[in-house]
Amino acid sequence: MREKTNWKFEEKKSVVKCEFLLTLNENIICQRYFNVRNYNPKTKNSLDLYYTISDIAEELKYNLKNKAFDYMYDRYNQHTNYVNLSDQDLERSEDEVFHLYVKQNTDILIHKIIPSDVYPGRIRYTVDIRPLVPQILGDLTDTLSRKKIARKYLNLEL
């Protein structure tokens, strides 16, 4: 009976709580906490984490691009060859950017910026990544618990 208790304690001890955060400037779009078993602290400065967050950013951009195409196609008038967009959609603000964060407690493990001014306002302000969240958290968990990581780039130690 005592061995089982120690095993559970050891299992809980090796679990680290992390956070995935997507914001549009200061406005939170998605915030999820997730546990990482067998967390490897060396992944903080690894190429693996960089590539994972880059893949997540590319998936998000692809998703936003498809939603923008659908939105603009719905507003397309084939008789006039004109896309009827609102003033909000045409407003381009280079100040607005998406921020992707992966945090452990208050420490930022990695931060990626995605420009948002290339998407219509309705798409920017109604981002829904709920279908992507399980895959995102799974990829981050796998990367943060990886034993073998790439820490060298062009003969430089990261």
C-alpha atoms as a PDB file:
ATOM      1  CA  MET A   1       0.000   0.000   0.000  1.00  0.00           C
ATOM      2  CA  ARG A   2       2.814   2.413   0.838  1.00  0.00           C
ATOM      3  CA  GLU A   3       4.559   1.870  -2.513  1.00  0.00           C
ATOM      4  CA  LYS A   4       1.455   2.912  -4.395  1.00  0.00           C
ATOM      5  CA  THR A   5       1.280   6.205  -2.476  1.00  0.00           C
ATOM      6  CA  ASN A   6       4.917   7.012  -3.217  1.00  0.00           C
ATOM      7  CA  TRP A   7       4.381   6.194  -6.877  1.00  0.00           C
ATOM      8  CA  LYS A   8       1.439   8.627  -7.106  1.00  0.00           C
ATOM      9  CA  PHE A   9       3.476  11.290  -5.343  1.00  0.00           C
ATOM     10  CA  GLU A  10       6.359  10.797  -7.770  1.00  0.00           C
ATOM     11  CA  GLU A  11       3.932  10.914 -10.714  1.00  0.00           C
ATOM     12  CA  LYS A  12       2.440  14.213  -9.508  1.00  0.00           C
ATOM     13  CA  LYS A  13       5.898  15.590  -8.855  1.00  0.00           C
ATOM     14  CA  SER A  14       6.969  15.058 -12.473  1.00  0.00           C
ATOM     15  CA  VAL A  15       3.906  16.877 -13.893  1.00  0.00           C
ATOM     16  CA  VAL A  16       4.388  20.532 -14.837  1.00  0.00           C
ATOM     17  CA  LYS A  17       1.505  22.915 -15.490  1.00  0.00           C
ATOM     18  CA  CYS A  18       1.840  25.015 -18.666  1.00  0.00           C
ATOM     19  CA  GLU A  19      -0.343  27.530 -20.462  1.00  0.00           C
ATOM     20  CA  PHE A  20      -1.176  28.133 -24.120  1.00  0.00           C
ATOM     21  CA  LEU A  21      -2.386  31.664 -24.809  1.00  0.00           C
ATOM     22  CA  LEU A  22      -3.615  33.299 -28.024  1.00  0.00           C
ATOM     23  CA  THR A  23      -4.368  37.017 -27.913  1.00  0.00           C
ATOM     24  CA  LEU A  24      -5.233  39.785 -30.325  1.00  0.00           C
ATOM     25  CA  ASN A  25      -3.110  42.528 -28.785  1.00  0.00           C
ATOM     26  CA  GLU A  26      -4.241  42.459 -25.133  1.00  0.00           C
ATOM     27  CA  ASN A  27      -7.571  40.670 -25.745  1.00  0.00           C
ATOM     28  CA  ILE A  28      -7.537  36.972 -24.890  1.00  0.00           C
ATOM     29  CA  ILE A  29      -8.918  34.753 -27.647  1.00  0.00           C
ATOM     30  CA  CYS A  30      -7.975  31.371 -26.224  1.00  0.00           C
ATOM     31  CA  GLN A  31      -6.312  30.418 -22.948  1.00  0.00           C
ATOM     32  CA  ARG A  32      -5.772  26.797 -22.001  1.00  0.00           C
ATOM     33  CA  TYR A  33      -3.819  25.221 -19.184  1.00  0.00           C
ATOM     34  CA  PHE A  34      -2.345  21.791 -19.728  1.00  0.00           C
ATOM     35  CA  ASN A  35      -0.155  19.342 -17.838  1.00  0.00           C
ATOM     36  CA  VAL A  36       3.128  18.037 -19.167  1.00  0.00           C
ATOM     37  CA  ARG A  37       4.424  14.761 -17.769  1.00  0.00           C
ATOM     38  CA  ASN A  38       8.174  14.254 -17.729  1.00  0.00           C
ATOM     39  CA  TYR A  39       8.775  17.909 -18.613  1.00  0.00           C
ATOM     40  CA  ASN A  40      12.238  18.530 -20.051  1.00  0.00           C
ATOM     41  CA  PRO A  41      13.410  22.053 -19.073  1.00  0.00           C
ATOM     42  CA  LYS A  42      15.937  22.036 -21.927  1.00  0.00           C
ATOM     43  CA  THR A  43      13.108  22.313 -24.460  1.00  0.00           C
ATOM     44  CA  LYS A  44      12.751  25.998 -23.572  1.00  0.00           C
ATOM     45  CA  ASN A  45      15.714  26.880 -25.808  1.00  0.00           C
ATOM     46  CA  SER A  46      15.265  24.151 -28.388  1.00  0.00           C
ATOM     47  CA  LEU A  47      14.540  24.185 -32.085  1.00  0.00           C
ATOM     48  CA  ASP A  48      11.828  21.611 -31.449  1.00  0.00           C
ATOM     49  CA  LEU A  49       9.715  24.115 -29.492  1.00  0.00           C
ATOM     50  CA  TYR A  50      10.362  26.786 -32.126  1.00  0.00           C
ATOM     51  CA  TYR A  51       9.251  24.455 -34.926  1.00  0.00           C
ATOM     52  CA  THR A  52       6.170  23.363 -32.963  1.00  0.00           C
ATOM     53  CA  ILE A  53       5.010  26.944 -32.334  1.00  0.00           C
ATOM     54  CA  SER A  54       5.777  27.799 -35.984  1.00  0.00           C
ATOM     55  CA  ASP A  55       3.604  24.873 -37.123  1.00  0.00           C
ATOM     56  CA  ILE A  56       0.811  26.040 -34.816  1.00  0.00           C
ATOM     57  CA  ALA A  57       1.092  29.571 -36.238  1.00  0.00           C
ATOM     58  CA  GLU A  58       0.988  28.249 -39.812  1.00  0.00           C
ATOM     59  CA  GLU A  59      -2.099  26.149 -39.022  1.00  0.00           C
ATOM     60  CA  LEU A  60      -3.782  29.186 -37.482  1.00  0.00           C
ATOM     61  CA  LYS A  61      -2.929  31.357 -40.506  1.00  0.00           C
ATOM     62  CA  TYR A  62      -4.225  28.662 -42.870  1.00  0.00           C
ATOM     63  CA  ASN A  63      -7.462  28.428 -40.885  1.00  0.00           C
ATOM     64  CA  LEU A  64      -7.913  32.218 -40.884  1.00  0.00           C
ATOM     65  CA  LYS A  65      -7.152  32.420 -44.612  1.00  0.00           C
ATOM     66  CA  ASN A  66      -9.819  29.818 -45.413  1.00  0.00           C
ATOM     67  CA  LYS A  67     -12.375  31.631 -43.258  1.00  0.00           C
ATOM     68  CA  ALA A  68     -11.481  34.907 -44.986  1.00  0.00           C
ATOM     69  CA  PHE A  69     -11.946  33.318 -48.430  1.00  0.00           C
ATOM     70  CA  ASP A  70     -15.341  31.918 -47.428  1.00  0.00           C
ATOM     71  CA  TYR A  71     -16.385  35.252 -45.944  1.00  0.00           C
ATOM     72  CA  MET A  72     -15.339  37.225 -49.013  1.00  0.00           C
ATOM     73  CA  TYR A  73     -16.914  34.705 -51.400  1.00  0.00           C
ATOM     74  CA  ASP A  74     -20.237  35.088 -49.570  1.00  0.00           C
ATOM     75  CA  ARG A  75     -20.051  38.849 -50.155  1.00  0.00           C
ATOM     76  CA  TYR A  76     -18.961  38.609 -53.793  1.00  0.00           C
ATOM     77  CA  ASN A  77     -21.366  39.955 -56.421  1.00  0.00           C
ATOM     78  CA  GLN A  78     -20.650  38.174 -59.705  1.00  0.00           C
ATOM     79  CA  HIS A  79     -22.579  40.743 -61.739  1.00  0.00           C
ATOM     80  CA  THR A  80     -20.373  43.639 -60.679  1.00  0.00           C
ATOM     81  CA  ASN A  81     -17.221  41.666 -59.796  1.00  0.00           C
ATOM     82  CA  TYR A  82     -17.187  43.472 -56.475  1.00  0.00           C
ATOM     83  CA  VAL A  83     -16.787  42.156 -52.937  1.00  0.00           C
ATOM     84  CA  ASN A  84     -19.110  44.086 -50.644  1.00  0.00           C
ATOM     85  CA  LEU A  85     -17.110  44.512 -47.437  1.00  0.00           C
ATOM     86  CA  SER A  86     -18.028  46.701 -44.483  1.00  0.00           C
ATOM     87  CA  ASP A  87     -15.885  49.567 -43.201  1.00  0.00           C
ATOM     88  CA  GLN A  88     -14.786  47.349 -40.316  1.00  0.00           C
ATOM     89  CA  ASP A  89     -13.550  44.740 -42.790  1.00  0.00           C
ATOM     90  CA  LEU A  90     -11.599  47.288 -44.808  1.00  0.00           C
ATOM     91  CA  GLU A  91      -9.994  48.836 -41.736  1.00  0.00           C
ATOM     92  CA  ARG A  92      -6.354  47.790 -41.599  1.00  0.00           C
ATOM     93  CA  SER A  93      -4.498  48.301 -38.397  1.00  0.00           C
ATOM     94  CA  GLU A  94      -0.858  47.316 -38.365  1.00  0.00           C
ATOM     95  CA  ASP A  95      -0.921  47.770 -34.597  1.00  0.00           C
ATOM     96  CA  GLU A  96      -3.136  44.716 -34.192  1.00  0.00           C
ATOM     97  CA  VAL A  97      -1.287  41.432 -34.128  1.00  0.00           C
ATOM     98  CA  PHE A  98      -1.995  37.953 -32.842  1.00  0.00           C
ATOM     99  CA  HIS A  99       0.296  36.776 -30.049  1.00  0.00           C
ATOM    100  CA  LEU A 100       0.929  33.089 -29.401  1.00  0.00           C
ATOM    101  CA  TYR A 101       2.439  32.312 -26.004  1.00  0.00           C
ATOM    102  CA  VAL A 102       3.498  29.128 -24.286  1.00  0.00           C
ATOM    103  CA  LYS A 103       4.117  29.751 -20.589  1.00  0.00           C
ATOM    104  CA  GLN A 104       5.199  27.791 -17.568  1.00  0.00           C
ATOM    105  CA  ASN A 105       3.892  29.602 -14.488  1.00  0.00           C
ATOM    106  CA  THR A 106       4.851  33.221 -15.242  1.00  0.00           C
ATOM    107  CA  ASP A 107       7.829  32.377 -17.474  1.00  0.00           C
ATOM    108  CA  ILE A 108       7.279  32.747 -21.210  1.00  0.00           C
ATOM    109  CA  LEU A 109       8.792  29.702 -22.894  1.00  0.00           C
ATOM    110  CA  ILE A 110       8.142  30.980 -26.405  1.00  0.00           C
ATOM    111  CA  HIS A 111       6.265  33.851 -28.042  1.00  0.00           C
ATOM    112  CA  LYS A 112       5.249  34.142 -31.701  1.00  0.00           C
ATOM    113  CA  ILE A 113       3.650  37.151 -33.421  1.00  0.00           C
ATOM    114  CA  ILE A 114       1.265  36.786 -36.367  1.00  0.00           C
ATOM    115  CA  PRO A 115       0.140  39.866 -38.347  1.00  0.00           C
ATOM    116  CA  SER A 116      -3.639  40.285 -38.284  1.00  0.00           C
ATOM    117  CA  ASP A 117      -4.161  43.172 -40.693  1.00  0.00           C
ATOM    118  CA  VAL A 118      -4.246  40.819 -43.694  1.00  0.00           C
ATOM    119  CA  TYR A 119      -7.612  39.413 -42.582  1.00  0.00           C
ATOM    120  CA  PRO A 120     -10.973  41.201 -42.753  1.00  0.00           C
ATOM    121  CA  GLY A 121     -12.156  42.680 -39.465  1.00  0.00           C
ATOM    122  CA  ARG A 122     -14.989  40.168 -39.071  1.00  0.00           C
ATOM    123  CA  ILE A 123     -12.506  37.313 -39.312  1.00  0.00           C
ATOM    124  CA  ARG A 124      -9.987  38.979 -36.973  1.00  0.00           C
ATOM    125  CA  TYR A 125     -12.542  39.642 -34.282  1.00  0.00           C
ATOM    126  CA  THR A 126     -14.391  36.310 -34.438  1.00  0.00           C
ATOM    127  CA  VAL A 127     -11.519  33.827 -34.273  1.00  0.00           C
ATOM    128  CA  ASP A 128     -12.642  30.373 -33.149  1.00  0.00           C
ATOM    129  CA  ILE A 129      -9.817  27.870 -32.726  1.00  0.00           C
ATOM    130  CA  ARG A 130     -11.691  25.408 -30.517  1.00  0.00           C
ATOM    131  CA  PRO A 131     -11.455  22.603 -33.112  1.00  0.00           C
ATOM    132  CA  LEU A 132      -7.662  23.081 -33.236  1.00  0.00           C
ATOM    133  CA  VAL A 133      -7.044  23.181 -29.470  1.00  0.00           C
ATOM    134  CA  PRO A 134      -6.727  19.402 -28.815  1.00  0.00           C
ATOM    135  CA  GLN A 135      -4.126  19.045 -31.575  1.00  0.00           C
ATOM    136  CA  ILE A 136      -2.254  22.162 -30.416  1.00  0.00           C
ATOM    137  CA  LEU A 137      -2.087  21.011 -26.791  1.00  0.00           C
ATOM    138  CA  GLY A 138      -1.070  17.494 -27.845  1.00  0.00           C
ATOM    139  CA  ASP A 139       1.767  18.828 -29.987  1.00  0.00           C
ATOM    140  CA  LEU A 140       2.973  21.139 -27.220  1.00  0.00           C
ATOM    141  CA  THR A 141       2.822  18.363 -24.624  1.00  0.00           C
ATOM    142  CA  ASP A 142       4.791  16.007 -26.858  1.00  0.00           C
ATOM    143  CA  THR A 143       7.422  18.638 -27.560  1.00  0.00           C
ATOM    144  CA  LEU A 144       7.829  19.783 -23.951  1.00  0.00           C
ATOM    145  CA  SER A 145       8.269  16.203 -22.717  1.00  0.00           C
ATOM    146  CA  ARG A 146      10.650  15.106 -25.475  1.00  0.00           C
ATOM    147  CA  LYS A 147      13.912  13.583 -24.255  1.00  0.00           C
ATOM    148  CA  LYS A 148      15.978  14.115 -27.404  1.00  0.00           C
ATOM    149  CA  ILE A 149      15.879  17.715 -28.546  1.00  0.00           C
ATOM    150  CA  ALA A 150      17.716  19.788 -31.120  1.00  0.00           C
ATOM    151  CA  ARG A 151      19.701  22.533 -29.415  1.00  0.00           C
ATOM    152  CA  LYS A 152      22.241  23.249 -32.144  1.00  0.00           C
ATOM    153  CA  TYR A 153      21.687  25.497 -35.138  1.00  0.00           C
ATOM    154  CA  LEU A 154      24.514  26.173 -37.605  1.00  0.00           C
ATOM    155  CA  ASN A 155      27.071  24.940 -35.061  1.00  0.00           C
ATOM    156  CA  LEU A 156      25.678  27.316 -32.411  1.00  0.00           C
ATOM    157  CA  GLU A 157      24.448  26.025 -29.072  1.00  0.00           C
ATOM    158  CA  LEU A 158      21.028  27.452 -28.204  1.00  0.00           C
END
